[in-house]
Amino acid sequence: MKLALLILSTLLSLADSEKLVPPDLPDNPLNTRLTPWPADTLDLTVIPFKIVHETYRETDGKRNWEIFMMNADGSNPVNLTNTPDVDEMYPHVSPDGTKICFIVDEGRGRNRVRHVYIMNIDGSDRVHVAAHAREPCWCFDNKSIAYLTDEYQRFSTREYATDALMYYYLENRWTRPHVNTDLHHLYAICWSPDGRWFLSAVSGGMGYSDAIIAFEAFGQKVFDLAEWGVKGCRPDFSAEGTQMVWGETDWNLKIADVNTAGAEPQVTNIREILRCSRRYKVYHVDLSPDQKWIALTYGPSRGGQQVGGMAEDWNICVGDLNGKWVQITTNGLHNKEPDWVPIPTPAARRLPDD
């Protein structure tokens, strides 16, 4: 019995080790730790971009989802929404850094409805876009967004419970559907900076089990990026459209070069940029506007990565592209869905040593 307990204790110690590699992943190509590095490992004060994210916390005595903005090192967090009676989530900042599109869950129980909204970057001037809608993203021209409609009228937090893609034009506030009416069960859509393509995850729809696809923004063509070795979920374009990032599994993130200029998107130079222990998850990766940093969500595996999913002890992290990453929130208040604010602000820099 003592021998069995000793063996069990040893196995548990190994499971907690930073060097534990998930058994269904190859050897760690980064040869780096599988938990966040100490906070002082990276000087994040030099990053001139802010980050927005969703978080579940108390507002005026009620716990609800709010959208916060903070510096890249986690300092100066500001609540942009402050609405205790509704839940705001899934913030995405316009390319010019002036507006945010996001979702709002209103109502309770069977009467709960998910909506798409737009507001200014400071939280002012909220505009309702659509009801029974979700997961919006911006066009490169800052004048329109795309969003997905709900598959059912009954409320669902399932990320792939979507039926169609719609366009919304801010100036005259009118909508129109995508020409491809076969689009469904998409989630995590993003629009290429050249305006020609979307990237998206798809689950149980369009003939796919789980895949990352590219489809024409104004046409019928659809491509499974598994042809290029891209598998997983939640893809995102870089600000220049020359790179993409995504989660290959719950435990590792990848980056690649992407070319959207031809008749079919091409993906090359795939490499891993981060992985974590199987006791945790890494999700919602977003590449900084200068393509030097990543923001991501990290937390215990029990947490729900879907929009509206409770994720206690999840935090926002920032990392470089060489496997070093640190937590910038530490409160564990269901912090998820980080998105970079693309307009630089004056960055605080360390003074040289005397």
Protein backbone atom coordinates (compact mmCIF):
# COMPACT_ATOMS: atom_id res chain seq x y z
CA MET A 1 0.00 0.00 0.00
CA LYS A 2 2.80 2.43 0.88
CA LEU A 3 4.52 1.65 -2.42
CA ALA A 4 1.29 2.32 -4.34
CA LEU A 5 0.84 5.65 -2.55
CA LEU A 6 4.43 6.59 -3.32
CA ILE A 7 3.94 5.81 -7.01
CA LEU A 8 0.69 7.80 -7.08
CA SER A 9 2.37 10.76 -5.37
CA THR A 10 5.21 10.66 -7.91
CA LEU A 11 2.79 10.60 -10.85
CA LEU A 12 0.85 13.57 -9.46
CA SER A 13 4.08 15.50 -9.00
CA LEU A 14 5.03 14.80 -12.60
CA ALA A 15 1.59 15.95 -13.76
CA ASP A 16 2.16 19.28 -12.02
CA SER A 17 5.58 19.71 -13.60
CA GLU A 18 6.03 22.56 -16.07
CA LYS A 19 7.80 20.15 -18.39
CA LEU A 20 4.82 17.80 -18.79
CA VAL A 21 3.97 17.55 -22.50
CA PRO A 22 0.37 16.69 -23.45
CA PRO A 23 0.50 13.05 -24.59
CA ASP A 24 -1.42 13.68 -27.80
CA LEU A 25 0.97 16.43 -28.92
CA PRO A 26 4.49 15.97 -30.32
CA ASP A 27 7.57 16.93 -28.38
CA ASN A 28 7.54 20.57 -27.41
CA PRO A 29 9.25 22.39 -30.31
CA LEU A 30 9.65 25.53 -28.24
CA ASN A 31 11.36 23.64 -25.40
CA THR A 32 9.69 25.99 -22.96
CA ARG A 33 7.50 25.86 -19.88
CA LEU A 34 3.83 24.93 -20.01
CA THR A 35 2.63 27.51 -17.50
CA PRO A 36 2.90 31.31 -17.58
CA TRP A 37 6.32 32.77 -16.92
CA PRO A 38 6.95 35.13 -13.97
CA ALA A 39 5.36 38.53 -14.49
CA ASP A 40 8.72 40.32 -14.85
CA THR A 41 9.93 38.02 -17.65
CA LEU A 42 8.61 40.36 -20.35
CA ASP A 43 8.58 44.15 -20.32
CA LEU A 44 5.03 44.71 -21.55
CA THR A 45 5.13 48.45 -20.83
CA VAL A 46 6.83 48.94 -24.20
CA ILE A 47 3.77 47.67 -26.06
CA PRO A 48 1.89 50.70 -27.42
CA PHE A 49 -1.49 48.94 -27.80
CA LYS A 50 -4.33 48.44 -25.35
CA ILE A 51 -6.45 45.30 -24.96
CA VAL A 52 -10.20 44.88 -24.55
CA HIS A 53 -11.75 41.76 -23.06
CA GLU A 54 -14.84 40.35 -21.39
CA THR A 55 -15.04 39.61 -17.67
CA TYR A 56 -17.72 38.42 -15.23
CA ARG A 57 -17.72 40.45 -12.02
CA GLU A 58 -19.84 42.58 -9.72
CA THR A 59 -21.33 45.80 -11.10
CA ASP A 60 -23.44 47.90 -8.74
CA GLY A 61 -24.07 44.88 -6.54
CA LYS A 62 -24.91 42.47 -9.38
CA ARG A 63 -22.62 39.95 -11.05
CA ASN A 64 -22.67 40.16 -14.83
CA TRP A 65 -20.48 40.23 -17.94
CA GLU A 66 -18.78 43.53 -18.74
CA ILE A 67 -16.24 44.73 -21.32
CA PHE A 68 -13.00 46.17 -19.95
CA MET A 69 -10.06 47.91 -21.61
CA MET A 70 -6.54 47.96 -20.16
CA ASN A 71 -2.91 48.51 -21.04
CA ALA A 72 -0.96 45.57 -22.46
CA ASP A 73 0.64 44.94 -19.07
CA GLY A 74 -2.78 44.78 -17.38
CA SER A 75 -2.55 48.21 -15.79
CA ASN A 76 -5.29 50.87 -15.78
CA PRO A 77 -8.33 48.60 -16.33
CA VAL A 78 -11.45 50.56 -17.30
CA ASN A 79 -15.04 49.26 -17.44
CA LEU A 80 -16.44 50.40 -20.80
CA THR A 81 -19.99 49.15 -20.30
CA ASN A 82 -21.14 49.39 -16.65
CA THR A 83 -24.56 47.80 -17.20
CA PRO A 84 -25.51 45.46 -14.32
CA ASP A 85 -28.79 44.33 -15.91
CA VAL A 86 -27.39 42.96 -19.19
CA ASP A 87 -24.29 41.02 -20.24
CA GLU A 88 -21.76 42.41 -22.74
CA MET A 89 -19.19 40.07 -24.29
CA TYR A 90 -17.07 39.28 -27.35
CA PRO A 91 -15.54 42.73 -28.03
CA HIS A 92 -13.87 43.34 -31.39
CA VAL A 93 -12.24 46.67 -32.17
CA SER A 94 -12.54 48.39 -35.56
CA PRO A 95 -9.33 48.67 -37.64
CA ASP A 96 -9.18 52.42 -37.02
CA GLY A 97 -9.51 51.89 -33.26
CA THR A 98 -12.58 54.10 -32.87
CA LYS A 99 -15.38 51.58 -32.31
CA ILE A 100 -16.14 48.18 -30.81
CA CYS A 101 -18.66 45.62 -32.02
CA PHE A 102 -19.83 43.18 -29.37
CA ILE A 103 -22.72 41.02 -28.22
CA VAL A 104 -25.27 41.66 -25.51
CA ASP A 105 -27.38 39.02 -23.77
CA GLU A 106 -30.65 40.55 -22.58
CA GLY A 107 -33.49 38.98 -20.59
CA ARG A 108 -33.63 35.88 -18.42
CA GLY A 109 -34.39 32.20 -18.88
CA ARG A 110 -36.40 31.26 -21.98
CA ASN A 111 -36.79 34.95 -22.84
CA ARG A 112 -33.04 35.55 -23.04
CA VAL A 113 -31.90 36.93 -26.42
CA ARG A 114 -28.43 37.52 -27.83
CA HIS A 115 -27.90 40.78 -29.75
CA VAL A 116 -25.14 42.47 -31.73
CA TYR A 117 -24.24 46.07 -30.85
CA ILE A 118 -21.68 48.70 -31.82
CA MET A 119 -20.30 51.47 -29.58
CA ASN A 120 -17.49 53.99 -29.51
CA ILE A 121 -14.15 52.88 -28.08
CA ASP A 122 -14.93 54.75 -24.84
CA GLY A 123 -18.27 52.93 -24.42
CA SER A 124 -20.48 55.80 -25.59
CA ASP A 125 -23.13 55.91 -28.33
CA ARG A 126 -24.37 52.32 -28.31
CA VAL A 127 -26.13 51.25 -31.52
CA HIS A 128 -28.29 48.14 -31.76
CA VAL A 129 -27.51 46.12 -34.90
CA ALA A 130 -29.60 42.95 -34.68
CA ALA A 131 -31.41 40.58 -32.34
CA HIS A 132 -30.84 36.81 -32.40
CA ALA A 133 -27.33 37.52 -33.65
CA ARG A 134 -23.78 36.82 -32.51
CA GLU A 135 -19.99 36.87 -33.13
CA PRO A 136 -19.54 40.04 -35.20
CA CYS A 137 -16.33 41.15 -36.90
CA TRP A 138 -15.16 44.26 -38.76
CA CYS A 139 -14.55 45.03 -42.40
CA PHE A 140 -11.20 46.66 -43.19
CA ASP A 141 -12.89 49.96 -44.16
CA ASN A 142 -14.45 50.49 -40.68
CA LYS A 143 -17.80 51.09 -42.40
CA SER A 144 -19.42 47.68 -42.03
CA ILE A 145 -19.44 44.53 -39.94
CA ALA A 146 -20.41 40.93 -40.53
CA TYR A 147 -22.26 38.84 -37.97
CA LEU A 148 -23.93 35.44 -37.63
CA THR A 149 -27.62 34.84 -36.99
CA ASP A 150 -28.94 32.39 -34.42
CA GLU A 151 -29.88 28.94 -35.63
CA TYR A 152 -32.90 28.86 -33.29
CA GLN A 153 -35.05 31.48 -31.62
CA ARG A 154 -34.51 29.73 -28.30
CA PHE A 155 -31.39 31.03 -26.54
CA SER A 156 -28.22 28.95 -26.72
CA THR A 157 -24.59 29.49 -25.71
CA ARG A 158 -23.41 26.87 -28.19
CA GLU A 159 -20.82 28.65 -30.30
CA TYR A 160 -21.83 26.90 -33.53
CA ALA A 161 -25.61 27.46 -33.14
CA THR A 162 -25.58 29.78 -36.16
CA ASP A 163 -27.59 29.82 -39.35
CA ALA A 164 -26.39 32.53 -41.74
CA LEU A 165 -23.95 35.39 -42.23
CA MET A 166 -25.20 38.95 -42.53
CA TYR A 167 -23.62 42.30 -43.41
CA TYR A 168 -24.47 45.52 -41.60
CA TYR A 169 -23.53 48.94 -43.02
CA LEU A 170 -23.04 51.56 -40.32
CA GLU A 171 -23.80 54.70 -42.34
CA ASN A 172 -27.36 53.87 -43.34
CA ARG A 173 -27.92 51.02 -40.86
CA TRP A 174 -29.11 48.46 -43.38
CA THR A 175 -28.35 44.76 -43.66
CA ARG A 176 -28.07 42.15 -46.36
CA PRO A 177 -27.23 38.43 -46.33
CA HIS A 178 -24.14 36.76 -47.69
CA VAL A 179 -24.71 35.31 -51.18
CA ASN A 180 -23.80 31.81 -49.97
CA THR A 181 -26.95 30.57 -48.27
CA ASP A 182 -25.30 27.26 -47.34
CA LEU A 183 -23.19 28.89 -44.62
CA HIS A 184 -24.19 27.52 -41.23
CA HIS A 185 -22.72 26.28 -37.95
CA LEU A 186 -19.92 28.82 -38.34
CA TYR A 187 -18.29 30.58 -35.41
CA ALA A 188 -15.32 32.89 -34.74
CA ILE A 189 -15.52 34.57 -38.13
CA CYS A 190 -12.87 37.12 -39.17
CA TRP A 191 -12.64 39.25 -42.31
CA SER A 192 -9.39 39.50 -44.27
CA PRO A 193 -7.90 43.01 -44.44
CA ASP A 194 -8.14 42.94 -48.26
CA GLY A 195 -11.89 42.35 -47.93
CA ARG A 196 -11.91 39.22 -50.10
CA TRP A 197 -12.10 36.34 -47.63
CA PHE A 198 -13.37 35.17 -44.29
CA LEU A 199 -11.75 32.70 -41.96
CA SER A 200 -14.03 30.72 -39.71
CA ALA A 201 -14.35 27.63 -37.57
CA VAL A 202 -17.21 25.29 -38.46
CA SER A 203 -18.66 22.47 -36.37
CA GLY A 204 -21.13 19.92 -37.69
CA GLY A 205 -22.17 21.98 -40.70
CA MET A 206 -21.55 22.30 -44.43
CA GLY A 207 -20.26 18.73 -44.54
CA TYR A 208 -17.56 19.33 -41.92
CA SER A 209 -17.20 17.78 -38.50
CA ASP A 210 -14.74 20.33 -37.09
CA ALA A 211 -12.60 22.45 -39.38
CA ILE A 212 -11.14 25.86 -40.14
CA ILE A 213 -12.36 27.11 -43.48
CA ALA A 214 -11.83 30.10 -45.75
CA PHE A 215 -14.77 31.34 -47.81
CA GLU A 216 -15.26 34.20 -50.22
CA ALA A 217 -16.68 37.39 -48.78
CA PHE A 218 -18.79 38.00 -51.90
CA GLY A 219 -18.84 34.63 -53.63
CA GLN A 220 -19.56 30.94 -53.25
CA LYS A 221 -16.09 29.41 -52.91
CA VAL A 222 -15.25 27.55 -49.68
CA PHE A 223 -11.90 25.91 -48.83
CA ASP A 224 -10.95 23.58 -46.00
CA LEU A 225 -7.58 24.82 -44.70
CA ALA A 226 -6.69 21.30 -43.57
CA GLU A 227 -5.23 21.09 -47.08
CA TRP A 228 -2.47 23.36 -45.76
CA GLY A 229 -2.19 21.67 -42.37
CA VAL A 230 -4.48 24.08 -40.52
CA LYS A 231 -6.66 22.23 -38.03
CA GLY A 232 -8.37 23.40 -34.85
CA CYS A 233 -10.60 26.40 -34.15
CA ARG A 234 -10.89 30.16 -33.71
CA PRO A 235 -8.69 31.49 -36.53
CA ASP A 236 -7.79 35.16 -36.79
CA PHE A 237 -6.02 37.31 -39.37
CA SER A 238 -3.19 39.67 -38.51
CA ALA A 239 -3.82 43.37 -39.07
CA GLU A 240 -1.82 43.25 -42.31
CA GLY A 241 -3.49 40.04 -43.48
CA THR A 242 -0.18 38.28 -44.03
CA GLN A 243 -0.40 35.96 -41.02
CA MET A 244 -3.04 33.97 -39.18
CA VAL A 245 -3.21 32.52 -35.66
CA TRP A 246 -5.44 29.81 -34.24
CA GLY A 247 -5.80 27.15 -31.57
CA GLU A 248 -4.82 23.72 -32.82
CA THR A 249 -6.03 22.00 -29.63
CA ASP A 250 -7.14 23.15 -26.20
CA TRP A 251 -3.46 23.23 -25.25
CA ASN A 252 -1.47 24.78 -28.10
CA LEU A 253 -1.56 27.82 -30.38
CA LYS A 254 -0.13 28.19 -33.87
CA ILE A 255 0.80 30.91 -36.33
CA ALA A 256 1.38 30.78 -40.09
CA ASP A 257 1.92 32.95 -43.13
CA VAL A 258 -1.19 33.37 -45.27
CA ASN A 259 -1.66 34.71 -48.80
CA THR A 260 -5.16 35.81 -49.81
CA ALA A 261 -4.25 37.43 -53.13
CA GLY A 262 -4.95 34.41 -55.34
CA ALA A 263 -7.99 32.36 -56.27
CA GLU A 264 -7.47 30.25 -53.14
CA PRO A 265 -5.88 31.26 -49.84
CA GLN A 266 -2.50 29.65 -49.28
CA VAL A 267 -1.00 28.91 -45.85
CA THR A 268 2.71 28.28 -45.30
CA ASN A 269 5.37 28.32 -42.60
CA ILE A 270 3.17 26.88 -39.84
CA ARG A 271 4.82 26.93 -36.40
CA GLU A 272 3.80 26.64 -32.80
CA ILE A 273 3.95 29.70 -30.55
CA LEU A 274 2.61 28.45 -27.22
CA ARG A 275 1.35 25.41 -25.35
CA CYS A 276 0.15 24.63 -21.85
CA SER A 277 -0.39 21.68 -19.52
CA ARG A 278 -3.46 19.52 -20.15
CA ARG A 279 -4.84 20.67 -16.80
CA TYR A 280 -5.41 24.05 -18.43
CA LYS A 281 -6.58 25.56 -21.70
CA VAL A 282 -5.32 28.32 -23.97
CA TYR A 283 -7.88 30.00 -26.23
CA HIS A 284 -8.93 33.16 -28.08
CA VAL A 285 -5.48 34.04 -29.43
CA ASP A 286 -5.12 37.44 -31.11
CA LEU A 287 -2.00 38.79 -32.84
CA SER A 288 -0.97 42.36 -32.01
CA PRO A 289 -1.15 45.01 -34.77
CA ASP A 290 2.66 45.06 -35.08
CA GLN A 291 2.71 41.23 -35.26
CA LYS A 292 5.16 40.97 -32.35
CA TRP A 293 2.88 39.83 -29.52
CA ILE A 294 -0.11 37.64 -28.82
CA ALA A 295 -2.97 38.07 -26.36
CA LEU A 296 -4.79 34.96 -25.21
CA THR A 297 -7.05 33.38 -22.61
CA TYR A 298 -5.63 30.89 -20.11
CA GLY A 299 -7.30 28.93 -17.34
CA PRO A 300 -8.26 25.59 -15.79
CA SER A 301 -9.64 23.00 -18.21
CA ARG A 302 -13.02 23.01 -16.46
CA GLY A 303 -13.77 26.52 -17.78
CA GLY A 304 -16.09 27.18 -20.70
CA GLN A 305 -14.42 28.86 -23.66
CA GLN A 306 -17.71 29.61 -25.45
CA VAL A 307 -19.20 33.09 -25.34
CA GLY A 308 -21.16 33.29 -22.11
CA GLY A 309 -19.49 30.20 -20.71
CA MET A 310 -18.45 30.50 -17.08
CA ALA A 311 -14.68 30.27 -16.70
CA GLU A 312 -13.63 30.86 -13.13
CA ASP A 313 -9.88 31.42 -12.63
CA TRP A 314 -9.36 32.21 -16.32
CA ASN A 315 -7.08 35.18 -17.07
CA ILE A 316 -5.72 37.20 -19.97
CA CYS A 317 -2.09 36.60 -20.94
CA VAL A 318 0.32 38.32 -23.31
CA GLY A 319 3.29 36.60 -24.90
CA ASP A 320 5.99 37.03 -27.49
CA LEU A 321 6.37 34.68 -30.47
CA ASN A 322 9.18 32.71 -28.84
CA GLY A 323 7.20 30.84 -26.21
CA LYS A 324 7.36 33.34 -23.34
CA TRP A 325 4.02 34.45 -21.93
CA VAL A 326 2.79 36.09 -18.72
CA GLN A 327 -0.54 36.77 -17.05
CA ILE A 328 -1.71 40.37 -17.18
CA THR A 329 -4.85 39.72 -15.11
CA THR A 330 -4.71 37.69 -11.92
CA ASN A 331 -8.21 37.99 -10.43
CA GLY A 332 -9.59 34.96 -12.29
CA LEU A 333 -12.92 36.72 -12.95
CA HIS A 334 -13.78 34.76 -16.11
CA ASN A 335 -11.47 36.93 -18.22
CA LYS A 336 -11.78 35.94 -21.88
CA GLU A 337 -11.86 37.04 -25.53
CA PRO A 338 -8.98 39.57 -25.64
CA ASP A 339 -8.74 41.83 -28.67
CA TRP A 340 -6.03 44.40 -29.41
CA VAL A 341 -6.86 48.06 -29.88
CA PRO A 342 -4.98 48.78 -33.13
CA ILE A 343 -4.17 52.46 -32.58
CA PRO A 344 -0.91 52.98 -30.65
CA THR A 345 -0.89 55.01 -27.46
CA PRO A 346 2.23 56.43 -25.79
CA ALA A 347 3.93 53.46 -24.15
CA ALA A 348 5.67 53.80 -20.82
CA ARG A 349 9.28 52.78 -21.21
CA ARG A 350 11.82 51.97 -18.55
CA LEU A 351 14.46 54.57 -18.00
CA PRO A 352 18.03 53.37 -18.55
CA ASP A 353 19.96 52.45 -15.44
CA ASP A 354 22.11 55.26 -14.04
